[in-house]
């Protein structure tokens, strides 16, 4: 079942997020099951909203690729992560990639 992941991680700066992207390369080697990823920052907090085909897809990606990169980049603390079942998904025609 598809899920929405919401993540809030205090103390993560945009430069650290960019270092994670460079280390993990999820835009070049898209993880199995990732449908959508959006990140933003406000008041020294990183926010992420993802859509995954299944919660297990994210958990596998985290264990195999993301967790080791967290150590390399040196992110402090722990994120608040929540999963919610997707009720409906719509992607606007022509929507696509990058920043």
PDB file of N, CA and C in Angstrom:
ATOM      1  N   UNK A   1       0.835  -1.168   0.000  1.00  0.00           N
ATOM      2  CA  UNK A   1       0.000   0.000   0.000  1.00  0.00           C
ATOM      3  C   UNK A   1       0.888   1.243   0.000  1.00  0.00           C
ATOM      4  N   UNK A   2       0.571   2.201  -0.854  1.00  0.00           N
ATOM      5  CA  UNK A   2       1.335   3.443  -0.946  1.00  0.00           C
ATOM      6  C   UNK A   2       1.185   4.241   0.343  1.00  0.00           C
ATOM      7  N   UNK A   3       2.282   4.924   0.716  1.00  0.00           N
ATOM      8  CA  UNK A   3       2.292   5.714   1.939  1.00  0.00           C
ATOM      9  C   UNK A   3       2.897   7.090   1.681  1.00  0.00           C
ATOM     10  N   UNK A   4       2.465   8.041   2.524  1.00  0.00           N
ATOM     11  CA  UNK A   4       3.088   9.354   2.581  1.00  0.00           C
ATOM     12  C   UNK A   4       4.008   9.337   3.793  1.00  0.00           C
ATOM     13  N   UNK A   5       5.256   9.703   3.575  1.00  0.00           N
ATOM     14  CA  UNK A   5       6.214   9.864   4.655  1.00  0.00           C
ATOM     15  C   UNK A   5       6.329  11.344   4.940  1.00  0.00           C
ATOM     16  N   UNK A   6       6.178  11.731   6.203  1.00  0.00           N
ATOM     17  CA  UNK A   6       6.459  13.102   6.609  1.00  0.00           C
ATOM     18  C   UNK A   6       7.593  13.041   7.614  1.00  0.00           C
ATOM     19  N   UNK A   7       8.576  13.897   7.415  1.00  0.00           N
ATOM     20  CA  UNK A   7       9.778  13.885   8.234  1.00  0.00           C
ATOM     21  C   UNK A   7      10.086  15.309   8.657  1.00  0.00           C
ATOM     22  N   UNK A   8      10.426  15.460   9.913  1.00  0.00           N
ATOM     23  CA  UNK A   8      10.835  16.749  10.480  1.00  0.00           C
ATOM     24  C   UNK A   8      12.120  16.485  11.247  1.00  0.00           C
ATOM     25  N   UNK A   9      13.191  17.237  10.913  1.00  0.00           N
ATOM     26  CA  UNK A   9      14.484  16.991  11.535  1.00  0.00           C
ATOM     27  C   UNK A   9      15.095  18.332  11.921  1.00  0.00           C
ATOM     28  N   UNK A  10      15.041  18.643  13.220  1.00  0.00           N
ATOM     29  CA  UNK A  10      15.579  19.904  13.732  1.00  0.00           C
ATOM     30  C   UNK A  10      17.101  19.906  13.627  1.00  0.00           C
ATOM     31  N   UNK A  11      17.633  21.082  13.301  1.00  0.00           N
ATOM     32  CA  UNK A  11      19.075  21.268  13.279  1.00  0.00           C
ATOM     33  C   UNK A  11      19.772  20.870  11.997  1.00  0.00           C
ATOM     34  N   UNK A  12      19.036  20.446  10.983  1.00  0.00           N
ATOM     35  CA  UNK A  12      19.647  20.085   9.699  1.00  0.00           C
ATOM     36  C   UNK A  12      19.597  21.301   8.781  1.00  0.00           C
ATOM     37  N   UNK A  13      20.750  21.695   8.270  1.00  0.00           N
ATOM     38  CA  UNK A  13      20.864  22.865   7.395  1.00  0.00           C
ATOM     39  C   UNK A  13      20.756  22.453   5.927  1.00  0.00           C
ATOM     40  N   UNK A  14      20.381  23.390   5.072  1.00  0.00           N
ATOM     41  CA  UNK A  14      20.304  23.083   3.642  1.00  0.00           C
ATOM     42  C   UNK A  14      21.616  22.510   3.081  1.00  0.00           C
ATOM     43  N   UNK A  15      22.753  22.995   3.568  1.00  0.00           N
ATOM     44  CA  UNK A  15      24.039  22.492   3.082  1.00  0.00           C
ATOM     45  C   UNK A  15      24.232  21.019   3.451  1.00  0.00           C
ATOM     46  N   UNK A  16      23.732  20.621   4.614  1.00  0.00           N
ATOM     47  CA  UNK A  16      23.820  19.217   5.015  1.00  0.00           C
ATOM     48  C   UNK A  16      22.907  18.349   4.150  1.00  0.00           C
ATOM     49  N   UNK A  17      21.719  18.855   3.864  1.00  0.00           N
ATOM     50  CA  UNK A  17      20.807  18.136   2.969  1.00  0.00           C
ATOM     51  C   UNK A  17      21.466  17.943   1.608  1.00  0.00           C
ATOM     52  N   UNK A  18      22.084  19.003   1.083  1.00  0.00           N
ATOM     53  CA  UNK A  18      22.745  18.921  -0.224  1.00  0.00           C
ATOM     54  C   UNK A  18      23.890  17.911  -0.185  1.00  0.00           C
ATOM     55  N   UNK A  19      24.618  17.852   0.929  1.00  0.00           N
ATOM     56  CA  UNK A  19      25.692  16.863   1.075  1.00  0.00           C
ATOM     57  C   UNK A  19      25.115  15.454   1.088  1.00  0.00           C
ATOM     58  N   UNK A  20      23.950  15.285   1.714  1.00  0.00           N
ATOM     59  CA  UNK A  20      23.280  13.970   1.701  1.00  0.00           C
ATOM     60  C   UNK A  20      22.912  13.576   0.268  1.00  0.00           C
ATOM     61  N   UNK A  21      22.352  14.526  -0.469  1.00  0.00           N
ATOM     62  CA  UNK A  21      21.979  14.263  -1.859  1.00  0.00           C
ATOM     63  C   UNK A  21      23.205  13.841  -2.663  1.00  0.00           C
ATOM     64  N   UNK A  22      24.320  14.553  -2.481  1.00  0.00           N
ATOM     65  CA  UNK A  22      25.551  14.202  -3.198  1.00  0.00           C
ATOM     66  C   UNK A  22      26.056  12.818  -2.803  1.00  0.00           C
ATOM     67  N   UNK A  23      25.953  12.480  -1.518  1.00  0.00           N
ATOM     68  CA  UNK A  23      26.462  11.202  -1.015  1.00  0.00           C
ATOM     69  C   UNK A  23      25.581  10.036  -1.450  1.00  0.00           C
ATOM     70  N   UNK A  24      24.272  10.196  -1.320  1.00  0.00           N
ATOM     71  CA  UNK A  24      23.335   9.100  -1.603  1.00  0.00           C
ATOM     72  C   UNK A  24      22.969   9.035  -3.085  1.00  0.00           C
ATOM     73  N   UNK A  25      22.810  10.195  -3.721  1.00  0.00           N
ATOM     74  CA  UNK A  25      22.495  10.239  -5.143  1.00  0.00           C
ATOM     75  C   UNK A  25      21.126   9.707  -5.505  1.00  0.00           C
ATOM     76  N   UNK A  26      20.114   9.998  -4.655  1.00  0.00           N
ATOM     77  CA  UNK A  26      18.786   9.427  -4.912  1.00  0.00           C
ATOM     78  C   UNK A  26      18.122   9.978  -6.164  1.00  0.00           C
ATOM     79  N   UNK A  27      18.590  11.096  -6.695  1.00  0.00           N
ATOM     80  CA  UNK A  27      18.017  11.595  -7.946  1.00  0.00           C
ATOM     81  C   UNK A  27      18.615  10.892  -9.159  1.00  0.00           C
ATOM     82  N   UNK A  28      19.837  10.381  -9.019  1.00  0.00           N
ATOM     83  CA  UNK A  28      20.490   9.666 -10.122  1.00  0.00           C
ATOM     84  C   UNK A  28      20.230   8.172 -10.060  1.00  0.00           C
ATOM     85  N   UNK A  29      20.192   7.624  -8.857  1.00  0.00           N
ATOM     86  CA  UNK A  29      19.857   6.216  -8.643  1.00  0.00           C
ATOM     87  C   UNK A  29      18.610   6.195  -7.775  1.00  0.00           C
ATOM     88  N   UNK A  30      17.468   6.336  -8.418  1.00  0.00           N
ATOM     89  CA  UNK A  30      16.201   6.453  -7.705  1.00  0.00           C
ATOM     90  C   UNK A  30      15.929   5.165  -6.939  1.00  0.00           C
ATOM     91  N   UNK A  31      15.640   5.276  -5.637  1.00  0.00           N
ATOM     92  CA  UNK A  31      15.351   4.078  -4.851  1.00  0.00           C
ATOM     93  C   UNK A  31      14.082   3.386  -5.338  1.00  0.00           C
ATOM     94  N   UNK A  32      14.088   2.077  -5.270  1.00  0.00           N
ATOM     95  CA  UNK A  32      12.884   1.316  -5.612  1.00  0.00           C
ATOM     96  C   UNK A  32      11.737   1.764  -4.716  1.00  0.00           C
ATOM     97  N   UNK A  33      10.614   2.084  -5.334  1.00  0.00           N
ATOM     98  CA  UNK A  33       9.416   2.442  -4.591  1.00  0.00           C
ATOM     99  C   UNK A  33       9.224   3.920  -4.334  1.00  0.00           C
ATOM    100  N   UNK A  34      10.233   4.759  -4.593  1.00  0.00           N
ATOM    101  CA  UNK A  34      10.070   6.199  -4.383  1.00  0.00           C
ATOM    102  C   UNK A  34       9.265   6.794  -5.526  1.00  0.00           C
ATOM    103  N   UNK A  35       8.213   7.522  -5.183  1.00  0.00           N
ATOM    104  CA  UNK A  35       7.342   8.147  -6.172  1.00  0.00           C
ATOM    105  C   UNK A  35       7.589   9.649  -6.236  1.00  0.00           C
ATOM    106  N   UNK A  36       7.752  10.295  -5.069  1.00  0.00           N
ATOM    107  CA  UNK A  36       7.860  11.743  -4.996  1.00  0.00           C
ATOM    108  C   UNK A  36       8.670  12.128  -3.772  1.00  0.00           C
ATOM    109  N   UNK A  37       9.500  13.158  -3.911  1.00  0.00           N
ATOM    110  CA  UNK A  37      10.277  13.674  -2.780  1.00  0.00           C
ATOM    111  C   UNK A  37      10.268  15.196  -2.844  1.00  0.00           C
ATOM    112  N   UNK A  38       9.936  15.824  -1.728  1.00  0.00           N
ATOM    113  CA  UNK A  38       9.955  17.273  -1.611  1.00  0.00           C
ATOM    114  C   UNK A  38      10.617  17.622  -0.287  1.00  0.00           C
ATOM    115  N   UNK A  39      11.552  18.574  -0.301  1.00  0.00           N
ATOM    116  CA  UNK A  39      12.210  19.011   0.923  1.00  0.00           C
ATOM    117  C   UNK A  39      12.183  20.526   1.015  1.00  0.00           C
ATOM    118  N   UNK A  40      12.072  21.035   2.249  1.00  0.00           N
ATOM    119  CA  UNK A  40      12.135  22.477   2.483  1.00  0.00           C
ATOM    120  C   UNK A  40      12.618  22.724   3.906  1.00  0.00           C
ATOM    121  N   UNK A  41      12.985  23.971   4.153  1.00  0.00           N
ATOM    122  CA  UNK A  41      13.552  24.358   5.436  1.00  0.00           C
ATOM    123  C   UNK A  41      12.829  25.578   5.977  1.00  0.00           C
ATOM    124  N   UNK A  42      12.605  25.575   7.291  1.00  0.00           N
ATOM    125  CA  UNK A  42      12.096  26.760   7.959  1.00  0.00           C
ATOM    126  C   UNK A  42      12.527  26.708   9.414  1.00  0.00           C
ATOM    127  N   UNK A  43      12.986  27.820   9.912  1.00  0.00           N
ATOM    128  CA  UNK A  43      13.390  27.975  11.301  1.00  0.00           C
ATOM    129  C   UNK A  43      14.308  26.843  11.769  1.00  0.00           C
ATOM    130  N   UNK A  44      15.368  26.608  10.994  1.00  0.00           N
ATOM    131  CA  UNK A  44      16.397  25.615  11.313  1.00  0.00           C
ATOM    132  C   UNK A  44      15.860  24.190  11.450  1.00  0.00           C
ATOM    133  N   UNK A  45      14.814  23.894  10.697  1.00  0.00           N
ATOM    134  CA  UNK A  45      14.233  22.546  10.668  1.00  0.00           C
ATOM    135  C   UNK A  45      14.091  22.115   9.215  1.00  0.00           C
ATOM    136  N   UNK A  46      14.551  20.892   8.918  1.00  0.00           N
ATOM    137  CA  UNK A  46      14.337  20.313   7.597  1.00  0.00           C
ATOM    138  C   UNK A  46      13.001  19.569   7.613  1.00  0.00           C
ATOM    139  N   UNK A  47      12.230  19.785   6.567  1.00  0.00           N
ATOM    140  CA  UNK A  47      10.960  19.079   6.387  1.00  0.00           C
ATOM    141  C   UNK A  47      11.037  18.294   5.083  1.00  0.00           C
ATOM    142  N   UNK A  48      10.519  17.082   5.096  1.00  0.00           N
ATOM    143  CA  UNK A  48      10.479  16.251   3.899  1.00  0.00           C
ATOM    144  C   UNK A  48       9.096  15.627   3.799  1.00  0.00           C
ATOM    145  N   UNK A  49       8.564  15.603   2.605  1.00  0.00           N
ATOM    146  CA  UNK A  49       7.362  14.834   2.298  1.00  0.00           C
ATOM    147  C   UNK A  49       7.700  13.939   1.113  1.00  0.00           C
ATOM    148  N   UNK A  50       7.491  12.658   1.297  1.00  0.00           N
ATOM    149  CA  UNK A  50       7.721  11.670   0.242  1.00  0.00           C
ATOM    150  C   UNK A  50       6.448  10.870   0.014  1.00  0.00           C
ATOM    151  N   UNK A  51       6.334  10.300  -1.152  1.00  0.00           N
ATOM    152  CA  UNK A  51       5.350   9.263  -1.424  1.00  0.00           C
ATOM    153  C   UNK A  51       6.141   8.031  -1.847  1.00  0.00           C
ATOM    154  N   UNK A  52       5.848   6.908  -1.202  1.00  0.00           N
ATOM    155  CA  UNK A  52       6.499   5.626  -1.481  1.00  0.00           C
ATOM    156  C   UNK A  52       5.442   4.597  -1.825  1.00  0.00           C
ATOM    157  N   UNK A  53       5.794   3.647  -2.668  1.00  0.00           N
ATOM    158  CA  UNK A  53       4.872   2.557  -2.997  1.00  0.00           C
ATOM    159  C   UNK A  53       4.508   1.751  -1.763  1.00  0.00           C
ATOM    160  N   UNK A  54       5.461   1.637  -0.825  1.00  0.00           N
ATOM    161  CA  UNK A  54       5.232   0.895   0.417  1.00  0.00           C
ATOM    162  C   UNK A  54       6.218   1.374   1.479  1.00  0.00           C
ATOM    163  N   UNK A  55       5.808   1.304   2.728  1.00  0.00           N
ATOM    164  CA  UNK A  55       6.682   1.703   3.828  1.00  0.00           C
ATOM    165  C   UNK A  55       7.972   0.900   3.830  1.00  0.00           C
ATOM    166  N   UNK A  56       7.884  -0.389   3.500  1.00  0.00           N
ATOM    167  CA  UNK A  56       9.083  -1.237   3.461  1.00  0.00           C
ATOM    168  C   UNK A  56      10.099  -0.748   2.436  1.00  0.00           C
ATOM    169  N   UNK A  57       9.638  -0.127   1.342  1.00  0.00           N
ATOM    170  CA  UNK A  57      10.574   0.422   0.351  1.00  0.00           C
ATOM    171  C   UNK A  57      11.437   1.504   0.980  1.00  0.00           C
ATOM    172  N   UNK A  58      10.803   2.398   1.756  1.00  0.00           N
ATOM    173  CA  UNK A  58      11.591   3.437   2.426  1.00  0.00           C
ATOM    174  C   UNK A  58      12.522   2.825   3.461  1.00  0.00           C
ATOM    175  N   UNK A  59      12.027   1.904   4.242  1.00  0.00           N
ATOM    176  CA  UNK A  59      12.858   1.307   5.301  1.00  0.00           C
ATOM    177  C   UNK A  59      14.094   0.620   4.715  1.00  0.00           C
ATOM    178  N   UNK A  60      13.938  -0.034   3.589  1.00  0.00           N
ATOM    179  CA  UNK A  60      15.074  -0.676   2.913  1.00  0.00           C
ATOM    180  C   UNK A  60      16.065   0.383   2.410  1.00  0.00           C
ATOM    181  N   UNK A  61      15.550   1.436   1.777  1.00  0.00           N
ATOM    182  CA  UNK A  61      16.395   2.530   1.310  1.00  0.00           C
ATOM    183  C   UNK A  61      17.151   3.165   2.479  1.00  0.00           C
ATOM    184  N   UNK A  62      16.449   3.370   3.586  1.00  0.00           N
ATOM    185  CA  UNK A  62      17.093   3.976   4.743  1.00  0.00           C
ATOM    186  C   UNK A  62      18.226   3.090   5.253  1.00  0.00           C
ATOM    187  N   UNK A  63      17.966   1.821   5.424  1.00  0.00           N
ATOM    188  CA  UNK A  63      18.972   0.903   5.973  1.00  0.00           C
ATOM    189  C   UNK A  63      20.179   0.762   5.050  1.00  0.00           C
ATOM    190  N   UNK A  64      19.930   0.649   3.758  1.00  0.00           N
ATOM    191  CA  UNK A  64      21.014   0.352   2.814  1.00  0.00           C
ATOM    192  C   UNK A  64      21.778   1.582   2.347  1.00  0.00           C
ATOM    193  N   UNK A  65      21.114   2.715   2.224  1.00  0.00           N
ATOM    194  CA  UNK A  65      21.767   3.874   1.610  1.00  0.00           C
ATOM    195  C   UNK A  65      21.750   5.137   2.460  1.00  0.00           C
ATOM    196  N   UNK A  66      20.628   5.445   3.062  1.00  0.00           N
ATOM    197  CA  UNK A  66      20.506   6.720   3.754  1.00  0.00           C
ATOM    198  C   UNK A  66      21.204   6.728   5.113  1.00  0.00           C
ATOM    199  N   UNK A  67      21.016   5.706   5.917  1.00  0.00           N
ATOM    200  CA  UNK A  67      21.635   5.666   7.252  1.00  0.00           C
ATOM    201  C   UNK A  67      23.162   5.779   7.183  1.00  0.00           C
ATOM    202  N   UNK A  68      23.835   5.050   6.278  1.00  0.00           N
ATOM    203  CA  UNK A  68      25.290   5.232   6.192  1.00  0.00           C
ATOM    204  C   UNK A  68      25.680   6.665   5.816  1.00  0.00           C
ATOM    205  N   UNK A  69      24.895   7.318   4.964  1.00  0.00           N
ATOM    206  CA  UNK A  69      25.197   8.692   4.563  1.00  0.00           C
ATOM    207  C   UNK A  69      24.969   9.667   5.713  1.00  0.00           C
ATOM    208  N   UNK A  70      23.984   9.396   6.566  1.00  0.00           N
ATOM    209  CA  UNK A  70      23.760  10.226   7.752  1.00  0.00           C
ATOM    210  C   UNK A  70      25.023  10.256   8.594  1.00  0.00           C
ATOM    211  N   UNK A  71      25.675   9.101   8.722  1.00  0.00           N
ATOM    212  CA  UNK A  71      26.920   9.027   9.491  1.00  0.00           C
ATOM    213  C   UNK A  71      28.037   9.805   8.803  1.00  0.00           C
ATOM    214  N   UNK A  72      28.151   9.659   7.489  1.00  0.00           N
ATOM    215  CA  UNK A  72      29.201  10.345   6.736  1.00  0.00           C
ATOM    216  C   UNK A  72      29.047  11.860   6.846  1.00  0.00           C
ATOM    217  N   UNK A  73      27.821  12.350   6.663  1.00  0.00           N
ATOM    218  CA  UNK A  73      27.560  13.785   6.696  1.00  0.00           C
ATOM    219  C   UNK A  73      27.584  14.317   8.135  1.00  0.00           C
ATOM    220  N   UNK A  74      27.280  13.447   9.092  1.00  0.00           N
ATOM    221  CA  UNK A  74      27.328  13.848  10.495  1.00  0.00           C
ATOM    222  C   UNK A  74      26.098  14.581  10.982  1.00  0.00           C
ATOM    223  N   UNK A  75      24.920  14.125  10.566  1.00  0.00           N
ATOM    224  CA  UNK A  75      23.694  14.767  11.046  1.00  0.00           C
ATOM    225  C   UNK A  75      23.466  14.407  12.505  1.00  0.00           C
ATOM    226  N   UNK A  76      23.131  15.409  13.295  1.00  0.00           N
ATOM    227  CA  UNK A  76      22.897  15.202  14.721  1.00  0.00           C
ATOM    228  C   UNK A  76      21.422  14.953  14.988  1.00  0.00           C
ATOM    229  N   UNK A  77      21.147  14.282  16.094  1.00  0.00           N
ATOM    230  CA  UNK A  77      19.770  14.060  16.504  1.00  0.00           C
ATOM    231  C   UNK A  77      19.081  12.997  15.666  1.00  0.00           C
ATOM    232  N   UNK A  78      17.786  12.930  15.844  1.00  0.00           N
ATOM    233  CA  UNK A  78      16.954  11.961  15.140  1.00  0.00           C
ATOM    234  C   UNK A  78      15.763  12.673  14.519  1.00  0.00           C
ATOM    235  N   UNK A  79      15.335  12.215  13.355  1.00  0.00           N
ATOM    236  CA  UNK A  79      14.150  12.827  12.747  1.00  0.00           C
ATOM    237  C   UNK A  79      12.866  12.290  13.372  1.00  0.00           C
ATOM    238  N   UNK A  80      11.824  13.091  13.291  1.00  0.00           N
ATOM    239  CA  UNK A  80      10.471  12.633  13.596  1.00  0.00           C
ATOM    240  C   UNK A  80       9.890  12.177  12.268  1.00  0.00           C
ATOM    241  N   UNK A  81       9.631  10.880  12.132  1.00  0.00           N
ATOM    242  CA  UNK A  81       9.157  10.302  10.872  1.00  0.00           C
ATOM    243  C   UNK A  81       7.786   9.675  11.098  1.00  0.00           C
ATOM    244  N   UNK A  82       6.886   9.941  10.177  1.00  0.00           N
ATOM    245  CA  UNK A  82       5.539   9.360  10.243  1.00  0.00           C
ATOM    246  C   UNK A  82       5.135   8.836   8.877  1.00  0.00           C
ATOM    247  N   UNK A  83       4.386   7.756   8.886  1.00  0.00           N
ATOM    248  CA  UNK A  83       3.841   7.166   7.669  1.00  0.00           C
ATOM    249  C   UNK A  83       2.326   7.193   7.744  1.00  0.00           C
ATOM    250  N   UNK A  84       1.703   7.575   6.639  1.00  0.00           N
ATOM    251  CA  UNK A  84       0.255   7.613   6.544  1.00  0.00           C
ATOM    252  C   UNK A  84      -0.150   6.959   5.232  1.00  0.00           C
ATOM    253  N   UNK A  85      -1.150   6.089   5.232  1.00  0.00           N
ATOM    254  CA  UNK A  85      -1.590   5.489   3.973  1.00  0.00           C
ATOM    255  C   UNK A  85      -2.098   6.546   2.999  1.00  0.00           C
ATOM    256  N   UNK A  86      -1.746   6.382   1.734  1.00  0.00           N
ATOM    257  CA  UNK A  86      -2.242   7.277   0.686  1.00  0.00           C
ATOM    258  C   UNK A  86      -3.706   6.954   0.419  1.00  0.00           C
ATOM    259  N   UNK A  87      -4.523   7.970   0.403  1.00  0.00           N
ATOM    260  CA  UNK A  87      -5.932   7.785   0.037  1.00  0.00           C
ATOM    261  C   UNK A  87      -6.106   7.953  -1.465  1.00  0.00           C
ATOM    262  N   UNK A  88      -5.452   8.950  -2.009  1.00  0.00           N
ATOM    263  CA  UNK A  88      -5.538   9.202  -3.451  1.00  0.00           C
ATOM    264  C   UNK A  88      -4.281   9.940  -3.867  1.00  0.00           C
ATOM    265  N   UNK A  89      -3.846   9.666  -5.089  1.00  0.00           N
ATOM    266  CA  UNK A  89      -2.653  10.313  -5.623  1.00  0.00           C
ATOM    267  C   UNK A  89      -2.981  10.849  -7.005  1.00  0.00           C
ATOM    268  N   UNK A  90      -2.623  12.118  -7.245  1.00  0.00           N
ATOM    269  CA  UNK A  90      -2.799  12.757  -8.544  1.00  0.00           C
ATOM    270  C   UNK A  90      -1.501  13.476  -8.880  1.00  0.00           C
ATOM    271  N   UNK A  91      -0.998  13.272 -10.058  1.00  0.00           N
ATOM    272  CA  UNK A  91       0.187  13.975 -10.524  1.00  0.00           C
ATOM    273  C   UNK A  91      -0.250  14.812 -11.726  1.00  0.00           C
ATOM    274  N   UNK A  92      -0.031  16.106 -11.622  1.00  0.00           N
ATOM    275  CA  UNK A  92      -0.442  17.013 -12.691  1.00  0.00           C
ATOM    276  C   UNK A  92       0.301  16.693 -13.982  1.00  0.00           C
ATOM    277  N   UNK A  93      -0.386  16.735 -15.112  1.00  0.00           N
ATOM    278  CA  UNK A  93       0.288  16.488 -16.387  1.00  0.00           C
ATOM    279  C   UNK A  93       1.463  17.435 -16.572  1.00  0.00           C
ATOM    280  N   UNK A  94       2.570  16.885 -17.002  1.00  0.00           N
ATOM    281  CA  UNK A  94       3.761  17.684 -17.246  1.00  0.00           C
ATOM    282  C   UNK A  94       4.620  17.900 -16.014  1.00  0.00           C
ATOM    283  N   UNK A  95       4.163  17.460 -14.847  1.00  0.00           N
ATOM    284  CA  UNK A  95       4.986  17.610 -13.625  1.00  0.00           C
ATOM    285  C   UNK A  95       6.200  16.718 -13.749  1.00  0.00           C
ATOM    286  N   UNK A  96       7.311  17.194 -13.267  1.00  0.00           N
ATOM    287  CA  UNK A  96       8.508  16.380 -13.331  1.00  0.00           C
ATOM    288  C   UNK A  96       9.623  16.968 -12.529  1.00  0.00           C
ATOM    289  N   UNK A  97      10.732  16.315 -12.615  1.00  0.00           N
ATOM    290  CA  UNK A  97      11.997  16.428 -11.938  1.00  0.00           C
ATOM    291  C   UNK A  97      12.395  17.697 -11.227  1.00  0.00           C
ATOM    292  N   UNK A  98      13.618  17.675 -10.833  1.00  0.00           N
ATOM    293  CA  UNK A  98      14.453  18.612 -10.113  1.00  0.00           C
ATOM    294  C   UNK A  98      13.871  19.900  -9.560  1.00  0.00           C
ATOM    295  N   UNK A  99      14.761  20.570  -8.877  1.00  0.00           N
ATOM    296  CA  UNK A  99      14.448  21.790  -8.164  1.00  0.00           C
ATOM    297  C   UNK A  99      13.688  22.734  -9.048  1.00  0.00           C
TER     298      UNK A  99
END
